[in-house]
C-alpha cells in the first residue's frame, strides 16, 4: 500500500477488542498513511473493563462514543461503529478508514468501504481471524508497534545510574517456505526480460496478495533486510538521476 500523508482517514476504535497500552505508537503508525480527521472510540463506558482507555482519550484527542449494552451477549458498540462508518462515508470528507479491532465482525464493513473506493487499514492483535484481515487493504498487528524497553543499572565511582534501552520485539512469524514462495512468485509476476523486479513494486504486490504482510512481523525493520536474510534472491542497487537516487531491484538466484 502506497504511503500518502495527504489521505484523510477516519479512525474508528473498538475499545472492547484492542488493548489501550500502545495508543501513541498506533497513531504514529497511522500517520504514515494519512491524517486522522475523525478519531472515535466506541464502548459502554459504564463498564469497568474499558476503564483503562479513559486516561489516554484526552492525550490523543479521541472522541468517546457511549453505547449502552441493551442485552447480554450483544455488542452494541459494534453496531454504533458500523453506523458511524457509513455516515462518515456518505459525507465524502475522507479518503479512507482505519478500523482498530481484532473482531472479525467488521469484515463486511471493510468490504463495503472498499467497494465504495475507500482505502481500509485494519489494526488488531495477532489473534484476528483471516476474513477481516483479507477484507482490508493493509492489516497491521499491534504487537509489532510495541516498544519494549528494559532498564539497565550501572555503577560507576560508587554511583548508580540507570537508563532504558530499547529491546527488539520477538518476531510474530517465521520465514517459512510459504512466504519464500510468495516472494518468488511475486518477482516472477513483475520481472523484466532480465528477471529483475523493482523492490517498491514487489512490496505493493506482496501486500495485495497478503494484506497482513509486513517485514516487521518477521523481525526486520525494512523489506530489503528481510529479502537479504532469505539468501535466495539477488539484490541490485542502481543509482540514477542527478542526486544519485538509489533504486533497488531483486531477482531469483
C-alpha atoms as a PDB file:
ATOM      1  CA  UNK A   1       0.000   0.000   0.000  1.00  0.00           C
ATOM      2  CA  UNK A   2       1.479   3.328  -1.071  1.00  0.00           C
ATOM      3  CA  UNK A   3       2.055   5.807   1.725  1.00  0.00           C
ATOM      4  CA  UNK A   4       0.380   9.203   1.282  1.00  0.00           C
ATOM      5  CA  UNK A   5       0.236  11.610   4.203  1.00  0.00           C
ATOM      6  CA  UNK A   6      -2.394  13.619   2.298  1.00  0.00           C
ATOM      7  CA  UNK A   7      -5.046  10.904   2.749  1.00  0.00           C
ATOM      8  CA  UNK A   8      -7.818  11.914   5.144  1.00  0.00           C
ATOM      9  CA  UNK A   9      -8.594   8.977   7.414  1.00  0.00           C
ATOM     10  CA  UNK A  10     -11.425   8.168   9.781  1.00  0.00           C
ATOM     11  CA  UNK A  11     -10.003   6.221  12.741  1.00  0.00           C
ATOM     12  CA  UNK A  12     -12.689   4.138  14.457  1.00  0.00           C
ATOM     13  CA  UNK A  13     -11.648   2.144  17.526  1.00  0.00           C
ATOM     14  CA  UNK A  14     -13.460  -0.805  19.091  1.00  0.00           C
ATOM     15  CA  UNK A  15     -12.421  -0.413  22.736  1.00  0.00           C
ATOM     16  CA  UNK A  16     -13.690  -3.865  23.672  1.00  0.00           C
ATOM     17  CA  UNK A  17     -11.356  -5.700  21.301  1.00  0.00           C
ATOM     18  CA  UNK A  18      -7.967  -3.935  21.375  1.00  0.00           C
ATOM     19  CA  UNK A  19      -5.587  -3.030  24.230  1.00  0.00           C
ATOM     20  CA  UNK A  20      -5.042   0.613  25.182  1.00  0.00           C
ATOM     21  CA  UNK A  21      -1.360   0.345  26.153  1.00  0.00           C
ATOM     22  CA  UNK A  22       0.087   1.304  22.750  1.00  0.00           C
ATOM     23  CA  UNK A  23      -2.241   4.030  21.546  1.00  0.00           C
ATOM     24  CA  UNK A  24       0.615   6.514  20.983  1.00  0.00           C
ATOM     25  CA  UNK A  25       2.520   4.050  18.786  1.00  0.00           C
ATOM     26  CA  UNK A  26      -0.695   3.182  16.962  1.00  0.00           C
ATOM     27  CA  UNK A  27      -1.330   6.793  15.936  1.00  0.00           C
ATOM     28  CA  UNK A  28       2.314   7.213  14.942  1.00  0.00           C
ATOM     29  CA  UNK A  29       1.809   4.256  12.593  1.00  0.00           C
ATOM     30  CA  UNK A  30      -1.458   5.664  11.206  1.00  0.00           C
ATOM     31  CA  UNK A  31       0.305   8.975  10.481  1.00  0.00           C
ATOM     32  CA  UNK A  32       2.460   7.138   7.911  1.00  0.00           C
ATOM     33  CA  UNK A  33      -0.623   6.526   5.787  1.00  0.00           C
ATOM     34  CA  UNK A  34      -2.608   9.714   6.226  1.00  0.00           C
ATOM     35  CA  UNK A  35      -4.073  12.335   8.545  1.00  0.00           C
ATOM     36  CA  UNK A  36      -6.745  11.240  11.028  1.00  0.00           C
ATOM     37  CA  UNK A  37      -9.671  13.644  10.594  1.00  0.00           C
ATOM     38  CA  UNK A  38     -12.120  11.577  12.660  1.00  0.00           C
ATOM     39  CA  UNK A  39     -10.927   9.845  15.838  1.00  0.00           C
ATOM     40  CA  UNK A  40     -13.693   7.997  17.625  1.00  0.00           C
ATOM     41  CA  UNK A  41     -13.747   5.150  20.112  1.00  0.00           C
ATOM     42  CA  UNK A  42     -16.762   3.002  20.943  1.00  0.00           C
ATOM     43  CA  UNK A  43     -17.653   1.282  24.212  1.00  0.00           C
ATOM     44  CA  UNK A  44     -20.076   1.106  27.085  1.00  0.00           C
ATOM     45  CA  UNK A  45     -18.061   3.447  29.294  1.00  0.00           C
ATOM     46  CA  UNK A  46     -20.050   2.435  32.368  1.00  0.00           C
ATOM     47  CA  UNK A  47     -18.251  -0.916  32.324  1.00  0.00           C
ATOM     48  CA  UNK A  48     -15.032  -1.304  34.367  1.00  0.00           C
ATOM     49  CA  UNK A  49     -13.438  -3.416  31.600  1.00  0.00           C
ATOM     50  CA  UNK A  50     -12.739  -0.316  29.491  1.00  0.00           C
ATOM     51  CA  UNK A  51     -11.647   2.000  32.307  1.00  0.00           C
ATOM     52  CA  UNK A  52      -8.022   1.861  31.150  1.00  0.00           C
ATOM     53  CA  UNK A  53      -8.919   3.725  27.957  1.00  0.00           C
ATOM     54  CA  UNK A  54     -10.193   6.803  29.781  1.00  0.00           C
ATOM     55  CA  UNK A  55      -6.687   8.001  30.670  1.00  0.00           C
ATOM     56  CA  UNK A  56      -5.487   8.102  27.058  1.00  0.00           C
ATOM     57  CA  UNK A  57      -8.507   9.668  25.347  1.00  0.00           C
ATOM     58  CA  UNK A  58      -7.649  13.290  26.145  1.00  0.00           C
ATOM     59  CA  UNK A  59      -3.949  12.823  25.401  1.00  0.00           C
ATOM     60  CA  UNK A  60      -4.753  11.635  21.872  1.00  0.00           C
ATOM     61  CA  UNK A  61      -7.865  13.763  21.222  1.00  0.00           C
ATOM     62  CA  UNK A  62     -10.079  10.709  20.711  1.00  0.00           C
ATOM     63  CA  UNK A  63     -13.828  11.268  20.969  1.00  0.00           C
ATOM     64  CA  UNK A  64     -15.522   8.608  23.147  1.00  0.00           C
ATOM     65  CA  UNK A  65     -18.902   7.371  21.905  1.00  0.00           C
ATOM     66  CA  UNK A  66     -21.132   5.985  24.623  1.00  0.00           C
ATOM     67  CA  UNK A  67     -23.141   2.932  23.624  1.00  0.00           C
ATOM     68  CA  UNK A  68     -25.100   1.094  26.293  1.00  0.00           C
ATOM     69  CA  UNK A  69     -25.368  -2.687  26.094  1.00  0.00           C
ATOM     70  CA  UNK A  70     -29.096  -3.229  25.832  1.00  0.00           C
ATOM     71  CA  UNK A  71     -28.923  -7.006  26.201  1.00  0.00           C
ATOM     72  CA  UNK A  72     -26.474  -9.672  27.298  1.00  0.00           C
ATOM     73  CA  UNK A  73     -24.378 -11.278  24.582  1.00  0.00           C
ATOM     74  CA  UNK A  74     -24.955  -8.492  22.032  1.00  0.00           C
ATOM     75  CA  UNK A  75     -22.224  -5.982  21.197  1.00  0.00           C
ATOM     76  CA  UNK A  76     -24.000  -2.665  20.689  1.00  0.00           C
ATOM     77  CA  UNK A  77     -20.662  -0.864  20.234  1.00  0.00           C
ATOM     78  CA  UNK A  78     -20.030  -2.800  17.009  1.00  0.00           C
ATOM     79  CA  UNK A  79     -23.336  -1.599  15.582  1.00  0.00           C
ATOM     80  CA  UNK A  80     -22.634   2.002  16.584  1.00  0.00           C
ATOM     81  CA  UNK A  81     -19.213   1.888  14.916  1.00  0.00           C
ATOM     82  CA  UNK A  82     -20.675   0.455  11.704  1.00  0.00           C
ATOM     83  CA  UNK A  83     -23.453   3.078  11.565  1.00  0.00           C
ATOM     84  CA  UNK A  84     -20.947   5.896  12.117  1.00  0.00           C
ATOM     85  CA  UNK A  85     -18.642   4.484   9.437  1.00  0.00           C
ATOM     86  CA  UNK A  86     -21.446   4.565   6.868  1.00  0.00           C
ATOM     87  CA  UNK A  87     -22.474   8.077   7.932  1.00  0.00           C
ATOM     88  CA  UNK A  88     -18.877   9.278   7.516  1.00  0.00           C
ATOM     89  CA  UNK A  89     -18.623   7.507   4.160  1.00  0.00           C
ATOM     90  CA  UNK A  90     -21.604   9.416   2.789  1.00  0.00           C
ATOM     91  CA  UNK A  91     -20.226  12.776   3.968  1.00  0.00           C
ATOM     92  CA  UNK A  92     -17.443  12.354   1.398  1.00  0.00           C
ATOM     93  CA  UNK A  93     -14.965  14.003   3.768  1.00  0.00           C
ATOM     94  CA  UNK A  94     -12.471  11.128   3.994  1.00  0.00           C
ATOM     95  CA  UNK A  95     -10.331   9.066   1.633  1.00  0.00           C
ATOM     96  CA  UNK A  96     -10.065   6.004   3.830  1.00  0.00           C
ATOM     97  CA  UNK A  97     -10.819   4.302   7.124  1.00  0.00           C
ATOM     98  CA  UNK A  98      -8.705   2.777   9.855  1.00  0.00           C
ATOM     99  CA  UNK A  99     -10.672   0.177  11.795  1.00  0.00           C
ATOM    100  CA  UNK A 100      -8.952  -0.691  15.050  1.00  0.00           C
ATOM    101  CA  UNK A 101     -10.283  -4.022  16.276  1.00  0.00           C
ATOM    102  CA  UNK A 102      -9.473  -7.717  16.478  1.00  0.00           C
ATOM    103  CA  UNK A 103     -13.124  -8.601  15.850  1.00  0.00           C
ATOM    104  CA  UNK A 104     -13.885 -10.301  12.537  1.00  0.00           C
ATOM    105  CA  UNK A 105     -17.465  -8.979  12.728  1.00  0.00           C
ATOM    106  CA  UNK A 106     -16.169  -5.915  10.877  1.00  0.00           C
ATOM    107  CA  UNK A 107     -15.309  -7.976   7.784  1.00  0.00           C
ATOM    108  CA  UNK A 108     -18.436  -6.929   5.887  1.00  0.00           C
ATOM    109  CA  UNK A 109     -17.898  -3.280   6.833  1.00  0.00           C
ATOM    110  CA  UNK A 110     -14.337  -3.323   5.497  1.00  0.00           C
ATOM    111  CA  UNK A 111     -15.539  -4.967   2.281  1.00  0.00           C
ATOM    112  CA  UNK A 112     -18.331  -2.412   1.834  1.00  0.00           C
ATOM    113  CA  UNK A 113     -15.982   0.540   2.367  1.00  0.00           C
ATOM    114  CA  UNK A 114     -13.551  -0.802  -0.214  1.00  0.00           C
ATOM    115  CA  UNK A 115     -16.424  -1.289  -2.649  1.00  0.00           C
ATOM    116  CA  UNK A 116     -17.063   2.445  -2.232  1.00  0.00           C
ATOM    117  CA  UNK A 117     -13.472   3.196  -3.238  1.00  0.00           C
ATOM    118  CA  UNK A 118     -12.127   3.768   0.266  1.00  0.00           C
ATOM    119  CA  UNK A 119      -8.691   2.671   1.465  1.00  0.00           C
ATOM    120  CA  UNK A 120      -9.152   0.440   4.516  1.00  0.00           C
ATOM    121  CA  UNK A 121      -6.418  -0.176   7.082  1.00  0.00           C
ATOM    122  CA  UNK A 122      -7.031  -2.667   9.859  1.00  0.00           C
ATOM    123  CA  UNK A 123      -5.154  -2.694  13.159  1.00  0.00           C
ATOM    124  CA  UNK A 124      -5.583  -5.530  15.617  1.00  0.00           C
ATOM    125  CA  UNK A 125      -3.910  -8.299  17.549  1.00  0.00           C
ATOM    126  CA  UNK A 126      -2.309 -11.393  16.039  1.00  0.00           C
ATOM    127  CA  UNK A 127      -5.377 -13.412  17.060  1.00  0.00           C
ATOM    128  CA  UNK A 128      -7.504 -11.568  14.453  1.00  0.00           C
ATOM    129  CA  UNK A 129      -9.211 -14.003  12.090  1.00  0.00           C
ATOM    130  CA  UNK A 130      -8.273 -14.173   8.405  1.00  0.00           C
ATOM    131  CA  UNK A 131     -11.583 -12.903   6.907  1.00  0.00           C
ATOM    132  CA  UNK A 132     -11.208  -9.452   8.480  1.00  0.00           C
ATOM    133  CA  UNK A 133      -7.515  -9.286   7.560  1.00  0.00           C
ATOM    134  CA  UNK A 134      -8.114 -10.091   3.899  1.00  0.00           C
ATOM    135  CA  UNK A 135     -11.017  -7.616   3.717  1.00  0.00           C
ATOM    136  CA  UNK A 136      -8.557  -4.753   4.380  1.00  0.00           C
ATOM    137  CA  UNK A 137      -6.052  -3.152   2.014  1.00  0.00           C
ATOM    138  CA  UNK A 138      -3.485  -3.474   4.787  1.00  0.00           C
ATOM    139  CA  UNK A 139      -3.623  -5.064   8.224  1.00  0.00           C
ATOM    140  CA  UNK A 140      -1.135  -4.168  10.961  1.00  0.00           C
ATOM    141  CA  UNK A 141      -0.575  -6.231  14.086  1.00  0.00           C
ATOM    142  CA  UNK A 142      -0.495  -4.200  17.284  1.00  0.00           C
ATOM    143  CA  UNK A 143       2.249  -6.438  18.665  1.00  0.00           C
ATOM    144  CA  UNK A 144       4.841  -5.046  16.217  1.00  0.00           C
ATOM    145  CA  UNK A 145       4.084  -1.496  17.351  1.00  0.00           C
ATOM    146  CA  UNK A 146       5.054  -2.167  20.949  1.00  0.00           C
ATOM    147  CA  UNK A 147       8.299  -0.555  22.050  1.00  0.00           C
ATOM    148  CA  UNK A 148       9.812  -2.876  24.611  1.00  0.00           C
ATOM    149  CA  UNK A 149      12.298  -1.220  26.925  1.00  0.00           C
ATOM    150  CA  UNK A 150      14.461  -2.703  29.662  1.00  0.00           C
ATOM    151  CA  UNK A 151      16.109  -0.767  32.449  1.00  0.00           C
ATOM    152  CA  UNK A 152      19.862  -1.286  32.859  1.00  0.00           C
ATOM    153  CA  UNK A 153      21.567  -0.233  36.069  1.00  0.00           C
ATOM    154  CA  UNK A 154      25.281   0.634  36.003  1.00  0.00           C
ATOM    155  CA  UNK A 155      27.647   1.527  38.816  1.00  0.00           C
ATOM    156  CA  UNK A 156      30.491   3.995  38.353  1.00  0.00           C
ATOM    157  CA  UNK A 157      32.575   5.679  41.097  1.00  0.00           C
ATOM    158  CA  UNK A 158      30.227   4.356  43.727  1.00  0.00           C
ATOM    159  CA  UNK A 159      27.284   5.969  41.915  1.00  0.00           C
ATOM    160  CA  UNK A 160      24.439   4.017  40.491  1.00  0.00           C
ATOM    161  CA  UNK A 161      22.686   5.133  37.347  1.00  0.00           C
ATOM    162  CA  UNK A 162      20.022   3.562  35.232  1.00  0.00           C
ATOM    163  CA  UNK A 163      18.895   4.003  31.658  1.00  0.00           C
ATOM    164  CA  UNK A 164      16.241   2.493  29.469  1.00  0.00           C
ATOM    165  CA  UNK A 165      17.375   0.558  26.417  1.00  0.00           C
ATOM    166  CA  UNK A 166      15.075  -0.452  23.586  1.00  0.00           C
ATOM    167  CA  UNK A 167      14.711  -4.195  23.229  1.00  0.00           C
ATOM    168  CA  UNK A 168      13.750  -5.791  19.920  1.00  0.00           C
ATOM    169  CA  UNK A 169      10.322  -7.389  19.766  1.00  0.00           C
ATOM    170  CA  UNK A 170      10.069 -11.137  19.317  1.00  0.00           C
ATOM    171  CA  UNK A 171       9.131 -11.898  15.673  1.00  0.00           C
ATOM    172  CA  UNK A 172       5.453 -12.757  15.248  1.00  0.00           C
ATOM    173  CA  UNK A 173       6.062 -15.057  12.270  1.00  0.00           C
ATOM    174  CA  UNK A 174       8.772 -17.363  10.974  1.00  0.00           C
ATOM    175  CA  UNK A 175      10.255 -17.180   7.488  1.00  0.00           C
ATOM    176  CA  UNK A 176       8.754 -20.383   6.118  1.00  0.00           C
ATOM    177  CA  UNK A 177       8.601 -21.914   2.608  1.00  0.00           C
ATOM    178  CA  UNK A 178       5.203 -20.274   2.012  1.00  0.00           C
ATOM    179  CA  UNK A 179       6.493 -16.734   2.383  1.00  0.00           C
ATOM    180  CA  UNK A 180       9.590 -17.544   0.301  1.00  0.00           C
ATOM    181  CA  UNK A 181       7.343 -18.904  -2.459  1.00  0.00           C
ATOM    182  CA  UNK A 182       5.178 -15.782  -2.249  1.00  0.00           C
ATOM    183  CA  UNK A 183       8.309 -13.677  -2.806  1.00  0.00           C
ATOM    184  CA  UNK A 184       9.431 -15.831  -5.731  1.00  0.00           C
ATOM    185  CA  UNK A 185       6.003 -15.862  -7.390  1.00  0.00           C
ATOM    186  CA  UNK A 186       5.618 -12.095  -6.963  1.00  0.00           C
ATOM    187  CA  UNK A 187       9.038 -11.462  -8.506  1.00  0.00           C
ATOM    188  CA  UNK A 188       8.019 -13.660 -11.453  1.00  0.00           C
ATOM    189  CA  UNK A 189       4.865 -11.574 -11.888  1.00  0.00           C
ATOM    190  CA  UNK A 190       6.882  -8.333 -12.018  1.00  0.00           C
ATOM    191  CA  UNK A 191      10.236  -9.261 -13.534  1.00  0.00           C
ATOM    192  CA  UNK A 192      11.602  -7.662 -16.710  1.00  0.00           C
ATOM    193  CA  UNK A 193      13.285  -9.573 -19.524  1.00  0.00           C
ATOM    194  CA  UNK A 194      16.374  -9.996 -17.334  1.00  0.00           C
ATOM    195  CA  UNK A 195      14.470 -11.299 -14.329  1.00  0.00           C
ATOM    196  CA  UNK A 196      14.722  -8.128 -12.205  1.00  0.00           C
ATOM    197  CA  UNK A 197      11.772  -6.678 -10.256  1.00  0.00           C
ATOM    198  CA  UNK A 198      11.634  -3.222  -8.650  1.00  0.00           C
ATOM    199  CA  UNK A 199      11.571  -3.524  -4.847  1.00  0.00           C
ATOM    200  CA  UNK A 200       8.800  -0.932  -4.381  1.00  0.00           C
ATOM    201  CA  UNK A 201       6.511  -2.752  -6.815  1.00  0.00           C
ATOM    202  CA  UNK A 202       7.324  -6.044  -5.096  1.00  0.00           C
ATOM    203  CA  UNK A 203       6.300  -4.702  -1.699  1.00  0.00           C
ATOM    204  CA  UNK A 204       2.991  -3.386  -3.065  1.00  0.00           C
ATOM    205  CA  UNK A 205       2.194  -6.678  -4.808  1.00  0.00           C
ATOM    206  CA  UNK A 206       3.028  -8.711  -1.690  1.00  0.00           C
ATOM    207  CA  UNK A 207       0.596  -6.551   0.256  1.00  0.00           C
ATOM    208  CA  UNK A 208      -2.164  -7.089  -2.304  1.00  0.00           C
ATOM    209  CA  UNK A 209      -1.679 -10.849  -2.071  1.00  0.00           C
ATOM    210  CA  UNK A 210      -1.239 -10.886   1.713  1.00  0.00           C
ATOM    211  CA  UNK A 211      -2.718  -7.795   3.452  1.00  0.00           C
ATOM    212  CA  UNK A 212      -1.020  -8.555   6.780  1.00  0.00           C
ATOM    213  CA  UNK A 213       2.425  -8.796   5.164  1.00  0.00           C
ATOM    214  CA  UNK A 214       4.940  -6.616   6.985  1.00  0.00           C
ATOM    215  CA  UNK A 215       8.686  -7.165   7.285  1.00  0.00           C
ATOM    216  CA  UNK A 216       8.403  -6.256  10.981  1.00  0.00           C
ATOM    217  CA  UNK A 217       6.306  -9.400  11.529  1.00  0.00           C
ATOM    218  CA  UNK A 218       9.498 -11.363  10.778  1.00  0.00           C
ATOM    219  CA  UNK A 219      11.770  -9.213  12.937  1.00  0.00           C
ATOM    220  CA  UNK A 220      13.133  -6.933  10.184  1.00  0.00           C
ATOM    221  CA  UNK A 221      12.531  -3.170  10.057  1.00  0.00           C
ATOM    222  CA  UNK A 222      12.617  -2.986   6.255  1.00  0.00           C
ATOM    223  CA  UNK A 223      11.674  -5.189   3.302  1.00  0.00           C
ATOM    224  CA  UNK A 224      15.218  -5.128   1.895  1.00  0.00           C
ATOM    225  CA  UNK A 225      16.782  -6.549   5.065  1.00  0.00           C
ATOM    226  CA  UNK A 226      14.178  -9.323   5.099  1.00  0.00           C
ATOM    227  CA  UNK A 227      14.923 -10.279   1.484  1.00  0.00           C
ATOM    228  CA  UNK A 228      18.680 -10.303   2.094  1.00  0.00           C
ATOM    229  CA  UNK A 229      18.244 -12.610   5.086  1.00  0.00           C
ATOM    230  CA  UNK A 230      16.466 -15.237   2.988  1.00  0.00           C
ATOM    231  CA  UNK A 231      19.565 -15.649   0.789  1.00  0.00           C
ATOM    232  CA  UNK A 232      17.591 -16.938  -2.188  1.00  0.00           C
ATOM    233  CA  UNK A 233      17.385 -13.651  -4.055  1.00  0.00           C
ATOM    234  CA  UNK A 234      19.907 -11.308  -5.672  1.00  0.00           C
ATOM    235  CA  UNK A 235      19.824  -7.581  -4.919  1.00  0.00           C
ATOM    236  CA  UNK A 236      20.985  -4.822  -7.247  1.00  0.00           C
ATOM    237  CA  UNK A 237      21.176  -1.191  -6.073  1.00  0.00           C
ATOM    238  CA  UNK A 238      21.203   1.193  -9.033  1.00  0.00           C
ATOM    239  CA  UNK A 239      21.860   4.925  -8.877  1.00  0.00           C
ATOM    240  CA  UNK A 240      20.072   7.264 -11.240  1.00  0.00           C
ATOM    241  CA  UNK A 241      19.473  10.969 -11.712  1.00  0.00           C
ATOM    242  CA  UNK A 242      21.497  13.994 -10.671  1.00  0.00           C
ATOM    243  CA  UNK A 243      21.013  13.238  -6.986  1.00  0.00           C
ATOM    244  CA  UNK A 244      22.163   9.624  -7.385  1.00  0.00           C
ATOM    245  CA  UNK A 245      18.886   8.281  -6.045  1.00  0.00           C
ATOM    246  CA  UNK A 246      19.118   4.565  -5.339  1.00  0.00           C
ATOM    247  CA  UNK A 247      16.625   2.201  -6.934  1.00  0.00           C
ATOM    248  CA  UNK A 248      16.688  -1.346  -5.622  1.00  0.00           C
ATOM    249  CA  UNK A 249      15.882  -4.371  -7.773  1.00  0.00           C
ATOM    250  CA  UNK A 250      15.662  -8.046  -6.833  1.00  0.00           C
ATOM    251  CA  UNK A 251      15.661 -11.324  -8.744  1.00  0.00           C
ATOM    252  CA  UNK A 252      15.607 -15.026  -8.018  1.00  0.00           C
ATOM    253  CA  UNK A 253      19.003 -16.758  -7.789  1.00  0.00           C
END
